[in-house]
Amino acid sequence: MNDTYLALDLGAAKLLIGEVNSKGKILNSKRYETGYIDQISAFSIIKRSLEDYISTVGWYTETRPVCIGIGLMGCVDHENGIWLQTHSKRTHSIHLAEDITKAFKIPCFIDNNVKSITRAIKKWKYGTCSNNFIYLNISSSITAGFVINGQLIRGNQFDAGESSS
């Protein structure tokens, strides 16, 4: 099977876009500097960067990826595709998954970036050896993903392991 998936990681100052196969191998990728962004400007930045990626890098297999997955900073209601906030003092909920799906005609799913990384580690890396682990991310803040008894812990407000500053 030659299915591929488009993965995006939106951080505090950059957007990474990569196309991966079902084994998690990165087939193509490109980095975009974003500078400081907020949720209101995020959709246009993601859209513009995806358009550039498609026109300059293209699809690895020359067919559209099965879906788009976006890891975002802050709180994300992954089940409903809503980006709730980037920071406790910067809240503006947007239906990002729906907006990207409509714009690119490819199903889009979103989650917190550290939770996305934790899920990838569980599926393809060290997490395949254990049902209990902590992924610690140290960057512009310190965040963590917790897997207990094989389940990713989210918290009642989707923020388990997130810093609030």
Protein backbone atom coordinates (compact mmCIF):
# COMPACT_ATOMS: atom_id res chain seq x y z
CA MET A 1 0.00 0.00 0.00
CA ASN A 2 1.42 3.41 -0.99
CA ASP A 3 -0.80 5.58 1.22
CA THR A 4 0.86 8.66 2.66
CA TYR A 5 -0.17 11.14 5.32
CA LEU A 6 0.61 14.82 5.65
CA ALA A 7 1.90 15.83 9.08
CA LEU A 8 2.18 19.44 10.27
CA ASP A 9 3.78 20.67 13.48
CA LEU A 10 2.98 24.28 14.35
CA GLY A 11 5.24 25.63 17.08
CA ALA A 12 5.85 29.06 18.54
CA ALA A 13 7.98 30.30 15.61
CA LYS A 14 7.89 27.64 12.89
CA LEU A 15 5.71 25.28 10.91
CA LEU A 16 7.09 21.91 9.81
CA ILE A 17 5.30 20.02 7.03
CA GLY A 18 6.17 16.45 6.17
CA GLU A 19 4.69 13.60 4.21
CA VAL A 20 5.02 10.24 5.95
CA ASN A 21 4.17 6.64 5.10
CA SER A 22 2.26 4.18 7.27
CA LYS A 23 5.49 3.16 9.04
CA GLY A 24 6.23 6.75 10.08
CA LYS A 25 9.08 7.27 7.61
CA ILE A 26 9.38 10.91 6.52
CA LEU A 27 9.30 10.97 2.72
CA ASN A 28 9.41 14.73 2.06
CA SER A 29 9.48 17.77 4.33
CA LYS A 30 9.82 21.53 4.43
CA ARG A 31 10.23 24.11 7.20
CA TYR A 32 8.44 27.47 7.29
CA GLU A 33 9.42 30.28 9.64
CA THR A 34 6.30 31.87 11.07
CA GLY A 35 7.47 34.26 13.76
CA TYR A 36 4.98 34.97 16.51
CA ILE A 37 1.46 33.94 15.54
CA ASP A 38 -1.90 33.74 17.19
CA GLN A 39 -4.89 31.54 16.38
CA ILE A 40 -6.52 34.20 14.22
CA SER A 41 -3.55 34.36 11.85
CA ALA A 42 -2.73 30.63 12.09
CA PHE A 43 -5.27 29.45 9.50
CA SER A 44 -3.93 31.77 6.80
CA ILE A 45 -0.31 30.86 7.62
CA ILE A 46 -1.07 27.13 7.54
CA LYS A 47 -3.09 27.49 4.33
CA ARG A 48 -0.42 29.57 2.58
CA SER A 49 2.35 27.18 3.69
CA LEU A 50 0.38 24.11 2.55
CA GLU A 51 -0.22 25.72 -0.85
CA ASP A 52 3.51 26.40 -1.14
CA TYR A 53 4.40 22.87 -0.04
CA ILE A 54 2.05 21.35 -2.63
CA SER A 55 3.42 23.53 -5.45
CA THR A 56 7.14 23.33 -4.57
CA VAL A 57 7.52 19.85 -3.02
CA GLY A 58 4.44 18.01 -4.24
CA TRP A 59 3.15 14.61 -3.24
CA TYR A 60 5.68 11.82 -2.82
CA THR A 61 3.56 9.23 -4.66
CA GLU A 62 1.94 11.81 -6.94
CA THR A 63 -1.41 11.08 -5.28
CA ARG A 64 -3.01 13.06 -2.49
CA PRO A 65 -2.28 11.96 1.07
CA VAL A 66 -5.03 10.06 2.88
CA CYS A 67 -5.35 12.80 5.50
CA ILE A 68 -3.69 15.77 7.17
CA GLY A 69 -2.71 15.73 10.83
CA ILE A 70 -1.76 18.96 12.58
CA GLY A 71 -0.01 19.21 15.94
CA LEU A 72 -0.68 22.57 17.59
CA MET A 73 0.60 24.38 20.65
CA GLY A 74 -1.92 24.88 23.44
CA CYS A 75 -5.25 23.23 24.19
CA VAL A 76 -6.97 21.26 21.45
CA ASP A 77 -10.33 19.48 21.45
CA HIS A 78 -9.10 16.75 19.10
CA GLU A 79 -12.44 14.93 18.93
CA ASN A 80 -14.26 17.99 17.55
CA GLY A 81 -11.33 19.49 15.63
CA ILE A 82 -11.35 22.73 17.63
CA TRP A 83 -8.19 24.59 18.58
CA LEU A 84 -9.23 26.08 21.93
CA GLN A 85 -6.26 28.27 22.86
CA THR A 86 -2.55 28.78 22.37
CA HIS A 87 -1.98 30.01 25.90
CA SER A 88 -4.10 30.57 29.00
CA LYS A 89 -4.15 34.32 28.26
CA ARG A 90 -4.66 33.97 24.49
CA THR A 91 -7.94 32.20 23.83
CA HIS A 92 -9.82 32.25 20.55
CA SER A 93 -11.45 28.92 19.62
CA ILE A 94 -11.35 28.03 15.92
CA HIS A 95 -12.66 25.00 13.99
CA LEU A 96 -9.29 24.45 12.33
CA ALA A 97 -9.78 20.82 11.23
CA GLU A 98 -13.00 21.69 9.40
CA ASP A 99 -11.45 24.79 7.79
CA ILE A 100 -8.41 22.87 6.49
CA THR A 101 -10.58 19.96 5.28
CA LYS A 102 -12.75 22.38 3.29
CA ALA A 103 -9.77 24.30 1.87
CA PHE A 104 -7.80 21.24 0.68
CA LYS A 105 -10.49 18.57 0.22
CA ILE A 106 -8.43 16.20 2.40
CA PRO A 107 -9.68 15.05 5.83
CA CYS A 108 -7.85 16.93 8.57
CA PHE A 109 -7.35 15.99 12.21
CA ILE A 110 -5.76 18.15 14.90
CA ASP A 111 -4.28 17.60 18.33
CA ASN A 112 -1.85 19.22 20.72
CA ASN A 113 1.68 18.94 19.28
CA VAL A 114 3.17 17.13 22.29
CA LYS A 115 0.25 14.70 22.36
CA SER A 116 0.77 14.12 18.63
CA ILE A 117 4.46 13.39 19.19
CA THR A 118 3.63 11.09 22.13
CA ARG A 119 1.18 9.15 19.96
CA ALA A 120 3.81 8.80 17.20
CA ILE A 121 6.38 7.54 19.72
CA LYS A 122 3.85 5.04 21.03
CA LYS A 123 3.09 3.77 17.54
CA TRP A 124 6.54 3.75 15.93
CA LYS A 125 9.34 4.25 18.44
CA TYR A 126 10.20 3.51 22.06
CA GLY A 127 6.56 3.36 23.10
CA THR A 128 6.23 0.05 21.30
CA CYS A 129 8.27 -1.45 24.16
CA SER A 130 6.09 -0.21 27.01
CA ASN A 131 2.49 0.70 27.79
CA ASN A 132 3.66 3.20 30.42
CA PHE A 133 5.95 6.10 29.60
CA ILE A 134 6.37 9.86 29.71
CA TYR A 135 7.50 11.91 26.72
CA LEU A 136 9.15 15.10 28.00
CA ASN A 137 9.42 18.02 25.56
CA ILE A 138 11.78 20.85 26.46
CA SER A 139 11.64 23.82 24.09
CA SER A 140 10.25 27.32 24.67
CA SER A 141 8.30 25.67 27.51
CA ILE A 142 8.35 22.30 29.25
CA THR A 143 5.47 19.99 28.36
CA ALA A 144 4.87 16.26 28.59
CA GLY A 145 2.80 13.46 27.16
CA PHE A 146 1.79 10.65 29.51
CA VAL A 147 0.88 7.13 28.44
CA ILE A 148 -0.52 4.93 31.21
CA ASN A 149 -1.70 1.38 30.55
CA GLY A 150 -1.44 2.10 26.84
CA GLN A 151 -3.70 5.18 26.99
CA LEU A 152 -2.68 8.76 26.28
CA ILE A 153 -3.75 10.91 29.23
CA ARG A 154 -5.48 14.14 28.20
CA GLY A 155 -6.93 15.75 31.32
CA ASN A 156 -10.44 17.13 31.73
CA GLN A 157 -9.59 20.28 29.73
CA PHE A 158 -7.29 18.59 27.18
CA ASP A 159 -4.23 19.96 28.99
CA ALA A 160 -2.55 17.13 30.93
CA GLY A 161 1.20 17.77 30.81
CA GLU A 162 0.87 21.32 29.48
CA SER A 163 2.33 24.40 31.11
CA SER A 164 -0.06 27.27 31.75
CA SER A 165 2.35 30.16 31.58
